[in-house]
Amino acid sequence: AKIIAPINAQQEVEILALGDLEALEKALAKNDVC
């Protein structure tokens, strides 16, 4: 967070725990992840 300026924060990003496939599928199932 220390290197993310307010202008960068407008990007739509979800940060997940490394190794969590269940959370990843839940995120991808929304069909908005490029």
Full PDB file with SEQRES, HELIX, SHEET, SSBOND, CRYST1, ORIGX, SCALE, CONECT and MASTER records, all heavy atoms in Angstrom:
SEQRES   1 A   34  ALA LYS ILE ILE ALA PRO ILE ASN ALA GLN GLN GLU VAL          
SEQRES   2 A   34  GLU ILE LEU ALA LEU GLY ASP LEU GLU ALA LEU GLU LYS          
SEQRES   3 A   34  ALA LEU ALA LYS ASN ASP VAL CYS                              
HELIX    1 AA1 ASN A    8  GLN A   10  5                                   3    
HELIX    2 AA2 LEU A   21  LEU A   28  1                                   8    
CRYST1    1.000    1.000    1.000  90.00  90.00  90.00 P 1           1          
ORIGX1      1.000000  0.000000  0.000000        0.00000                         
ORIGX2      0.000000  1.000000  0.000000        0.00000                         
ORIGX3      0.000000  0.000000  1.000000        0.00000                         
SCALE1      1.000000  0.000000  0.000000        0.00000                         
SCALE2      0.000000  1.000000  0.000000        0.00000                         
SCALE3      0.000000  0.000000  1.000000        0.00000                         
ATOM      1  N   ALA A   1       0.813  -1.220   0.000  1.00  0.00           N  
ATOM      2  CA  ALA A   1       0.000   0.000   0.000  1.00  0.00           C  
ATOM      3  C   ALA A   1       0.847   1.271   0.000  1.00  0.00           C  
ATOM      4  O   ALA A   1       0.403   2.317  -0.493  1.00  0.00           O  
ATOM      5  CB  ALA A   1      -0.918  -0.003   1.224  1.00  0.00           C  
ATOM      6  N   LYS A   2       2.076   1.187   0.527  1.00  0.00           N  
ATOM      7  CA  LYS A   2       2.933   2.370   0.632  1.00  0.00           C  
ATOM      8  C   LYS A   2       3.325   2.932  -0.727  1.00  0.00           C  
ATOM      9  O   LYS A   2       3.660   4.116  -0.837  1.00  0.00           O  
ATOM     10  CB  LYS A   2       4.203   2.033   1.426  1.00  0.00           C  
ATOM     11  CG  LYS A   2       3.961   1.751   2.892  1.00  0.00           C  
ATOM     12  CD  LYS A   2       5.264   1.426   3.603  1.00  0.00           C  
ATOM     13  CE  LYS A   2       5.026   1.116   5.075  1.00  0.00           C  
ATOM     14  NZ  LYS A   2       6.289   0.757   5.766  1.00  0.00           N  
ATOM     15  N   ILE A   3       3.328   2.123  -1.764  1.00  0.00           N  
ATOM     16  CA  ILE A   3       3.782   2.603  -3.074  1.00  0.00           C  
ATOM     17  C   ILE A   3       2.625   2.778  -4.067  1.00  0.00           C  
ATOM     18  O   ILE A   3       2.854   3.022  -5.247  1.00  0.00           O  
ATOM     19  CB  ILE A   3       4.884   1.697  -3.664  1.00  0.00           C  
ATOM     20  CG1 ILE A   3       4.369   0.276  -3.943  1.00  0.00           C  
ATOM     21  CG2 ILE A   3       6.096   1.652  -2.751  1.00  0.00           C  
ATOM     22  CD1 ILE A   3       5.376  -0.603  -4.697  1.00  0.00           C  
ATOM     23  N   ILE A   4       1.397   2.652  -3.582  1.00  0.00           N  
ATOM     24  CA  ILE A   4       0.228   2.827  -4.449  1.00  0.00           C  
ATOM     25  C   ILE A   4      -0.362   4.207  -4.207  1.00  0.00           C  
ATOM     26  O   ILE A   4      -0.915   4.488  -3.135  1.00  0.00           O  
ATOM     27  CB  ILE A   4      -0.822   1.726  -4.185  1.00  0.00           C  
ATOM     28  CG1 ILE A   4      -0.226   0.338  -4.462  1.00  0.00           C  
ATOM     29  CG2 ILE A   4      -2.053   1.951  -5.060  1.00  0.00           C  
ATOM     30  CD1 ILE A   4      -1.143  -0.814  -4.084  1.00  0.00           C  
ATOM     31  N   ALA A   5      -0.218   5.088  -5.178  1.00  0.00           N  
ATOM     32  CA  ALA A   5      -0.766   6.446  -5.077  1.00  0.00           C  
ATOM     33  C   ALA A   5      -2.276   6.411  -5.331  1.00  0.00           C  
ATOM     34  O   ALA A   5      -2.788   5.460  -5.939  1.00  0.00           O  
ATOM     35  CB  ALA A   5      -0.085   7.355  -6.095  1.00  0.00           C  
ATOM     36  N   PRO A   6      -2.991   7.447  -4.901  1.00  0.00           N  
ATOM     37  CA  PRO A   6      -4.444   7.475  -5.148  1.00  0.00           C  
ATOM     38  C   PRO A   6      -4.821   7.276  -6.611  1.00  0.00           C  
ATOM     39  O   PRO A   6      -5.816   6.619  -6.918  1.00  0.00           O  
ATOM     40  CB  PRO A   6      -4.841   8.868  -4.642  1.00  0.00           C  
ATOM     41  CG  PRO A   6      -3.855   9.159  -3.552  1.00  0.00           C  
ATOM     42  CD  PRO A   6      -2.555   8.563  -4.036  1.00  0.00           C  
ATOM     43  N   ILE A   7      -4.012   7.809  -7.524  1.00  0.00           N  
ATOM     44  CA  ILE A   7      -4.332   7.653  -8.950  1.00  0.00           C  
ATOM     45  C   ILE A   7      -4.218   6.206  -9.403  1.00  0.00           C  
ATOM     46  O   ILE A   7      -4.914   5.767 -10.319  1.00  0.00           O  
ATOM     47  CB  ILE A   7      -3.439   8.575  -9.813  1.00  0.00           C  
ATOM     48  CG1 ILE A   7      -4.012   8.690 -11.234  1.00  0.00           C  
ATOM     49  CG2 ILE A   7      -1.993   8.090  -9.836  1.00  0.00           C  
ATOM     50  CD1 ILE A   7      -3.326   9.748 -12.080  1.00  0.00           C  
ATOM     51  N   ASN A   8      -3.321   5.423  -8.736  1.00  0.00           N  
ATOM     52  CA  ASN A   8      -3.171   4.002  -9.082  1.00  0.00           C  
ATOM     53  C   ASN A   8      -4.331   3.179  -8.535  1.00  0.00           C  
ATOM     54  O   ASN A   8      -4.688   2.152  -9.108  1.00  0.00           O  
ATOM     55  CB  ASN A   8      -1.873   3.434  -8.516  1.00  0.00           C  
ATOM     56  CG  ASN A   8      -0.642   4.239  -8.871  1.00  0.00           C  
ATOM     57  OD1 ASN A   8       0.158   4.554  -7.993  1.00  0.00           O  
ATOM     58  ND2 ASN A   8      -0.485   4.587 -10.133  1.00  0.00           N  
ATOM     59  N   ALA A   9      -4.893   3.620  -7.431  1.00  0.00           N  
ATOM     60  CA  ALA A   9      -5.915   2.839  -6.724  1.00  0.00           C  
ATOM     61  C   ALA A   9      -7.225   2.725  -7.494  1.00  0.00           C  
ATOM     62  O   ALA A   9      -8.104   1.950  -7.109  1.00  0.00           O  
ATOM     63  CB  ALA A   9      -6.155   3.447  -5.347  1.00  0.00           C  
ATOM     64  N   GLN A  10      -7.366   3.492  -8.582  1.00  0.00           N  
ATOM     65  CA  GLN A  10      -8.581   3.380  -9.383  1.00  0.00           C  
ATOM     66  C   GLN A  10      -8.627   2.064 -10.166  1.00  0.00           C  
ATOM     67  O   GLN A  10      -9.696   1.672 -10.653  1.00  0.00           O  
ATOM     68  CB  GLN A  10      -8.672   4.554 -10.354  1.00  0.00           C  
ATOM     69  CG  GLN A  10      -7.591   4.581 -11.418  1.00  0.00           C  
ATOM     70  CD  GLN A  10      -7.658   5.830 -12.274  1.00  0.00           C  
ATOM     71  OE1 GLN A  10      -8.708   6.151 -12.784  1.00  0.00           O  
ATOM     72  NE2 GLN A  10      -6.545   6.531 -12.408  1.00  0.00           N  
ATOM     73  N   GLN A  11      -7.488   1.391 -10.295  1.00  0.00           N  
ATOM     74  CA  GLN A  11      -7.466   0.096 -10.970  1.00  0.00           C  
ATOM     75  C   GLN A  11      -8.275  -0.921 -10.159  1.00  0.00           C  
ATOM     76  O   GLN A  11      -8.223  -0.919  -8.929  1.00  0.00           O  
ATOM     77  CB  GLN A  11      -6.019  -0.405 -11.101  1.00  0.00           C  
ATOM     78  CG  GLN A  11      -5.073   0.541 -11.797  1.00  0.00           C  
ATOM     79  CD  GLN A  11      -5.227   0.532 -13.304  1.00  0.00           C  
ATOM     80  OE1 GLN A  11      -5.844  -0.369 -13.872  1.00  0.00           O  
ATOM     81  NE2 GLN A  11      -4.670   1.526 -13.958  1.00  0.00           N  
ATOM     82  N   GLU A  12      -8.969  -1.798 -10.846  1.00  0.00           N  
ATOM     83  CA  GLU A  12      -9.747  -2.828 -10.156  1.00  0.00           C  
ATOM     84  C   GLU A  12      -8.878  -4.064  -9.964  1.00  0.00           C  
ATOM     85  O   GLU A  12      -8.584  -4.791 -10.921  1.00  0.00           O  
ATOM     86  CB  GLU A  12     -11.007  -3.176 -10.954  1.00  0.00           C  
ATOM     87  CG  GLU A  12     -12.022  -2.044 -11.000  1.00  0.00           C  
ATOM     88  CD  GLU A  12     -13.317  -2.459 -11.674  1.00  0.00           C  
ATOM     89  OE1 GLU A  12     -13.704  -3.645 -11.566  1.00  0.00           O  
ATOM     90  OE2 GLU A  12     -13.933  -1.606 -12.333  1.00  0.00           O  
ATOM     91  N   VAL A  13      -8.434  -4.262  -8.734  1.00  0.00           N  
ATOM     92  CA  VAL A  13      -7.528  -5.368  -8.408  1.00  0.00           C  
ATOM     93  C   VAL A  13      -8.018  -6.074  -7.157  1.00  0.00           C  
ATOM     94  O   VAL A  13      -8.393  -5.430  -6.175  1.00  0.00           O  
ATOM     95  CB  VAL A  13      -6.088  -4.861  -8.176  1.00  0.00           C  
ATOM     96  CG1 VAL A  13      -5.171  -6.032  -7.791  1.00  0.00           C  
ATOM     97  CG2 VAL A  13      -5.549  -4.157  -9.418  1.00  0.00           C  
ATOM     98  N   GLU A  14      -8.008  -7.400  -7.196  1.00  0.00           N  
ATOM     99  CA  GLU A  14      -8.306  -8.194  -6.009  1.00  0.00           C  
ATOM    100  C   GLU A  14      -7.060  -9.002  -5.676  1.00  0.00           C  
ATOM    101  O   GLU A  14      -6.524  -9.703  -6.540  1.00  0.00           O  
ATOM    102  CB  GLU A  14      -9.496  -9.131  -6.256  1.00  0.00           C  
ATOM    103  CG  GLU A  14      -9.918  -9.900  -5.013  1.00  0.00           C  
ATOM    104  CD  GLU A  14     -11.221 -10.671  -5.216  1.00  0.00           C  
ATOM    105  OE1 GLU A  14     -11.834 -10.561  -6.297  1.00  0.00           O  
ATOM    106  OE2 GLU A  14     -11.628 -11.388  -4.281  1.00  0.00           O  
ATOM    107  N   ILE A  15      -6.584  -8.876  -4.449  1.00  0.00           N  
ATOM    108  CA  ILE A  15      -5.363  -9.573  -4.032  1.00  0.00           C  
ATOM    109  C   ILE A  15      -5.747 -10.724  -3.118  1.00  0.00           C  
ATOM    110  O   ILE A  15      -6.370 -10.531  -2.064  1.00  0.00           O  
ATOM    111  CB  ILE A  15      -4.379  -8.604  -3.355  1.00  0.00           C  
ATOM    112  CG1 ILE A  15      -3.898  -7.584  -4.392  1.00  0.00           C  
ATOM    113  CG2 ILE A  15      -3.198  -9.371  -2.759  1.00  0.00           C  
ATOM    114  CD1 ILE A  15      -2.906  -6.568  -3.901  1.00  0.00           C  
ATOM    115  N   LEU A  16      -5.373 -11.927  -3.524  1.00  0.00           N  
ATOM    116  CA  LEU A  16      -5.745 -13.152  -2.813  1.00  0.00           C  
ATOM    117  C   LEU A  16      -4.542 -13.778  -2.128  1.00  0.00           C  
ATOM    118  O   LEU A  16      -3.388 -13.465  -2.452  1.00  0.00           O  
ATOM    119  CB  LEU A  16      -6.331 -14.168  -3.807  1.00  0.00           C  
ATOM    120  CG  LEU A  16      -7.498 -13.706  -4.673  1.00  0.00           C  
ATOM    121  CD1 LEU A  16      -7.901 -14.811  -5.641  1.00  0.00           C  
ATOM    122  CD2 LEU A  16      -8.685 -13.287  -3.804  1.00  0.00           C  
ATOM    123  N   ALA A  17      -4.811 -14.683  -1.219  1.00  0.00           N  
ATOM    124  CA  ALA A  17      -3.733 -15.436  -0.569  1.00  0.00           C  
ATOM    125  C   ALA A  17      -3.117 -16.397  -1.573  1.00  0.00           C  
ATOM    126  O   ALA A  17      -3.824 -17.068  -2.331  1.00  0.00           O  
ATOM    127  CB  ALA A  17      -4.280 -16.200   0.628  1.00  0.00           C  
ATOM    128  N   LEU A  18      -1.793 -16.460  -1.576  1.00  0.00           N  
ATOM    129  CA  LEU A  18      -1.102 -17.401  -2.451  1.00  0.00           C  
ATOM    130  C   LEU A  18      -1.492 -18.821  -2.069  1.00  0.00           C  
ATOM    131  O   LEU A  18      -1.425 -19.208  -0.899  1.00  0.00           O  
ATOM    132  CB  LEU A  18       0.412 -17.215  -2.308  1.00  0.00           C  
ATOM    133  CG  LEU A  18       1.289 -17.973  -3.299  1.00  0.00           C  
ATOM    134  CD1 LEU A  18       1.110 -17.418  -4.704  1.00  0.00           C  
ATOM    135  CD2 LEU A  18       2.755 -17.874  -2.880  1.00  0.00           C  
ATOM    136  N   GLY A  19      -1.952 -19.588  -3.051  1.00  0.00           N  
ATOM    137  CA  GLY A  19      -2.331 -20.967  -2.785  1.00  0.00           C  
ATOM    138  C   GLY A  19      -3.823 -21.218  -2.646  1.00  0.00           C  
ATOM    139  O   GLY A  19      -4.251 -22.364  -2.555  1.00  0.00           O  
ATOM    140  N   ASP A  20      -4.615 -20.165  -2.663  1.00  0.00           N  
ATOM    141  CA  ASP A  20      -6.059 -20.298  -2.425  1.00  0.00           C  
ATOM    142  C   ASP A  20      -6.821 -20.406  -3.747  1.00  0.00           C  
ATOM    143  O   ASP A  20      -7.301 -19.414  -4.298  1.00  0.00           O  
ATOM    144  CB  ASP A  20      -6.554 -19.110  -1.612  1.00  0.00           C  
ATOM    145  CG  ASP A  20      -7.967 -19.327  -1.062  1.00  0.00           C  
ATOM    146  OD1 ASP A  20      -8.675 -20.212  -1.571  1.00  0.00           O  
ATOM    147  OD2 ASP A  20      -8.345 -18.599  -0.127  1.00  0.00           O  
ATOM    148  N   LEU A  21      -6.974 -21.620  -4.239  1.00  0.00           N  
ATOM    149  CA  LEU A  21      -7.677 -21.847  -5.505  1.00  0.00           C  
ATOM    150  C   LEU A  21      -9.183 -21.607  -5.376  1.00  0.00           C  
ATOM    151  O   LEU A  21      -9.827 -21.165  -6.325  1.00  0.00           O  
ATOM    152  CB  LEU A  21      -7.432 -23.273  -5.998  1.00  0.00           C  
ATOM    153  CG  LEU A  21      -6.082 -23.558  -6.662  1.00  0.00           C  
ATOM    154  CD1 LEU A  21      -5.970 -25.032  -7.007  1.00  0.00           C  
ATOM    155  CD2 LEU A  21      -5.904 -22.705  -7.917  1.00  0.00           C  
ATOM    156  N   GLU A  22      -9.717 -21.883  -4.204  1.00  0.00           N  
ATOM    157  CA  GLU A  22     -11.163 -21.686  -3.996  1.00  0.00           C  
ATOM    158  C   GLU A  22     -11.514 -20.201  -4.133  1.00  0.00           C  
ATOM    159  O   GLU A  22     -12.484 -19.843  -4.813  1.00  0.00           O  
ATOM    160  CB  GLU A  22     -11.558 -22.200  -2.617  1.00  0.00           C  
ATOM    161  CG  GLU A  22     -13.053 -22.145  -2.349  1.00  0.00           C  
ATOM    162  CD  GLU A  22     -13.431 -22.714  -0.994  1.00  0.00           C  
ATOM    163  OE1 GLU A  22     -12.639 -23.515  -0.438  1.00  0.00           O  
ATOM    164  OE2 GLU A  22     -14.521 -22.361  -0.486  1.00  0.00           O  
ATOM    165  N   ALA A  23     -10.707 -19.347  -3.531  1.00  0.00           N  
ATOM    166  CA  ALA A  23     -10.944 -17.904  -3.636  1.00  0.00           C  
ATOM    167  C   ALA A  23     -10.741 -17.421  -5.065  1.00  0.00           C  
ATOM    168  O   ALA A  23     -11.456 -16.533  -5.541  1.00  0.00           O  
ATOM    169  CB  ALA A  23     -10.013 -17.154  -2.692  1.00  0.00           C  
ATOM    170  N   LEU A  24      -9.766 -18.017  -5.744  1.00  0.00           N  
ATOM    171  CA  LEU A  24      -9.509 -17.628  -7.130  1.00  0.00           C  
ATOM    172  C   LEU A  24     -10.699 -17.969  -8.018  1.00  0.00           C  
ATOM    173  O   LEU A  24     -11.129 -17.133  -8.828  1.00  0.00           O  
ATOM    174  CB  LEU A  24      -8.242 -18.319  -7.653  1.00  0.00           C  
ATOM    175  CG  LEU A  24      -7.894 -18.009  -9.109  1.00  0.00           C  
ATOM    176  CD1 LEU A  24      -7.640 -16.521  -9.322  1.00  0.00           C  
ATOM    177  CD2 LEU A  24      -6.688 -18.827  -9.571  1.00  0.00           C  
ATOM    178  N   GLU A  25     -11.249 -19.157  -7.877  1.00  0.00           N  
ATOM    179  CA  GLU A  25     -12.394 -19.514  -8.723  1.00  0.00           C  
ATOM    180  C   GLU A  25     -13.596 -18.622  -8.423  1.00  0.00           C  
ATOM    181  O   GLU A  25     -14.324 -18.220  -9.331  1.00  0.00           O  
ATOM    182  CB  GLU A  25     -12.769 -20.985  -8.563  1.00  0.00           C  
ATOM    183  CG  GLU A  25     -13.960 -21.357  -9.431  1.00  0.00           C  
ATOM    184  CD  GLU A  25     -14.004 -22.805  -9.864  1.00  0.00           C  
ATOM    185  OE1 GLU A  25     -13.446 -23.651  -9.137  1.00  0.00           O  
ATOM    186  OE2 GLU A  25     -14.591 -23.088 -10.936  1.00  0.00           O  
ATOM    187  N   LYS A  26     -13.766 -18.301  -7.167  1.00  0.00           N  
ATOM    188  CA  LYS A  26     -14.864 -17.403  -6.789  1.00  0.00           C  
ATOM    189  C   LYS A  26     -14.717 -16.046  -7.472  1.00  0.00           C  
ATOM    190  O   LYS A  26     -15.697 -15.472  -7.968  1.00  0.00           O  
ATOM    191  CB  LYS A  26     -14.884 -17.231  -5.268  1.00  0.00           C  
ATOM    192  CG  LYS A  26     -16.053 -16.424  -4.750  1.00  0.00           C  
ATOM    193  CD  LYS A  26     -16.039 -16.361  -3.222  1.00  0.00           C  
ATOM    194  CE  LYS A  26     -17.201 -15.521  -2.701  1.00  0.00           C  
ATOM    195  NZ  LYS A  26     -17.177 -15.434  -1.211  1.00  0.00           N  
ATOM    196  N   ALA A  27     -13.470 -15.548  -7.551  1.00  0.00           N  
ATOM    197  CA  ALA A  27     -13.211 -14.263  -8.205  1.00  0.00           C  
ATOM    198  C   ALA A  27     -13.426 -14.356  -9.709  1.00  0.00           C  
ATOM    199  O   ALA A  27     -14.046 -13.472 -10.318  1.00  0.00           O  
ATOM    200  CB  ALA A  27     -11.798 -13.797  -7.895  1.00  0.00           C  
ATOM    201  N   LEU A  28     -12.940 -15.436 -10.319  1.00  0.00           N  
ATOM    202  CA  LEU A  28     -13.023 -15.567 -11.778  1.00  0.00           C  
ATOM    203  C   LEU A  28     -14.443 -15.846 -12.253  1.00  0.00           C  
ATOM    204  O   LEU A  28     -14.808 -15.478 -13.376  1.00  0.00           O  
ATOM    205  CB  LEU A  28     -12.084 -16.675 -12.262  1.00  0.00           C  
ATOM    206  CG  LEU A  28     -10.583 -16.480 -12.040  1.00  0.00           C  
ATOM    207  CD1 LEU A  28      -9.790 -17.568 -12.746  1.00  0.00           C  
ATOM    208  CD2 LEU A  28     -10.117 -15.107 -12.495  1.00  0.00           C  
ATOM    209  N   ALA A  29     -15.234 -16.475 -11.415  1.00  0.00           N  
ATOM    210  CA  ALA A  29     -16.599 -16.839 -11.804  1.00  0.00           C  
ATOM    211  C   ALA A  29     -17.476 -15.611 -12.077  1.00  0.00           C  
ATOM    212  O   ALA A  29     -18.512 -15.719 -12.741  1.00  0.00           O  
ATOM    213  CB  ALA A  29     -17.226 -17.712 -10.732  1.00  0.00           C  
ATOM    214  N   LYS A  30     -17.060 -14.449 -11.594  1.00  0.00           N  
ATOM    215  CA  LYS A  30     -17.817 -13.219 -11.851  1.00  0.00           C  
ATOM    216  C   LYS A  30     -17.639 -12.740 -13.293  1.00  0.00           C  
ATOM    217  O   LYS A  30     -18.324 -11.821 -13.740  1.00  0.00           O  
ATOM    218  CB  LYS A  30     -17.366 -12.125 -10.877  1.00  0.00           C  
ATOM    219  CG  LYS A  30     -17.646 -12.476  -9.425  1.00  0.00           C  
ATOM    220  CD  LYS A  30     -17.024 -11.452  -8.485  1.00  0.00           C  
ATOM    221  CE  LYS A  30     -17.177 -11.875  -7.027  1.00  0.00           C  
ATOM    222  NZ  LYS A  30     -16.461 -10.939  -6.103  1.00  0.00           N  
ATOM    223  N   ASN A  31     -16.666 -13.346 -13.984  1.00  0.00           N  
ATOM    224  CA  ASN A  31     -16.433 -13.095 -15.412  1.00  0.00           C  
ATOM    225  C   ASN A  31     -16.048 -11.648 -15.734  1.00  0.00           C  
ATOM    226  O   ASN A  31     -16.363 -11.122 -16.814  1.00  0.00           O  
ATOM    227  CB  ASN A  31     -17.656 -13.493 -16.245  1.00  0.00           C  
ATOM    228  CG  ASN A  31     -17.284 -13.767 -17.694  1.00  0.00           C  
ATOM    229  OD1 ASN A  31     -16.193 -14.268 -17.978  1.00  0.00           O  
ATOM    230  ND2 ASN A  31     -18.162 -13.422 -18.623  1.00  0.00           N  
ATOM    231  N   ASP A  32     -15.343 -10.981 -14.800  1.00  0.00           N  
ATOM    232  CA  ASP A  32     -14.895  -9.615 -15.071  1.00  0.00           C  
ATOM    233  C   ASP A  32     -13.371  -9.469 -14.938  1.00  0.00           C  
ATOM    234  O   ASP A  32     -12.837  -8.366 -14.972  1.00  0.00           O  
ATOM    235  CB  ASP A  32     -15.586  -8.626 -14.133  1.00  0.00           C  
ATOM    236  CG  ASP A  32     -15.332  -8.902 -12.654  1.00  0.00           C  
ATOM    237  OD1 ASP A  32     -14.734  -9.956 -12.335  1.00  0.00           O  
ATOM    238  OD2 ASP A  32     -15.733  -8.069 -11.815  1.00  0.00           O  
ATOM    239  N   VAL A  33     -12.666 -10.601 -14.794  1.00  0.00           N  
ATOM    240  CA  VAL A  33     -11.213 -10.568 -14.580  1.00  0.00           C  
ATOM    241  C   VAL A  33     -10.484 -10.770 -15.904  1.00  0.00           C  
ATOM    242  O   VAL A  33     -10.647 -11.801 -16.563  1.00  0.00           O  
ATOM    243  CB  VAL A  33     -10.772 -11.652 -13.562  1.00  0.00           C  
ATOM    244  CG1 VAL A  33      -9.247 -11.670 -13.416  1.00  0.00           C  
ATOM    245  CG2 VAL A  33     -11.429 -11.402 -12.206  1.00  0.00           C  
ATOM    246  N   CYS A  34      -9.699  -9.778 -16.294  1.00  0.00           N  
ATOM    247  CA  CYS A  34      -8.946  -9.904 -17.547  1.00  0.00           C  
ATOM    248  C   CYS A  34      -7.695 -10.743 -17.369  1.00  0.00           C  
ATOM    249  O   CYS A  34      -7.268 -11.438 -18.295  1.00  0.00           O  
ATOM    250  CB  CYS A  34      -8.581  -8.525 -18.110  1.00  0.00           C  
ATOM    251  SG  CYS A  34      -7.333  -7.603 -17.185  1.00  0.00           S  
TER     252      CYS A  34                                                      
MASTER        0    0    0    2    0    0    0    6  251    1    0    3          
END                                                                             
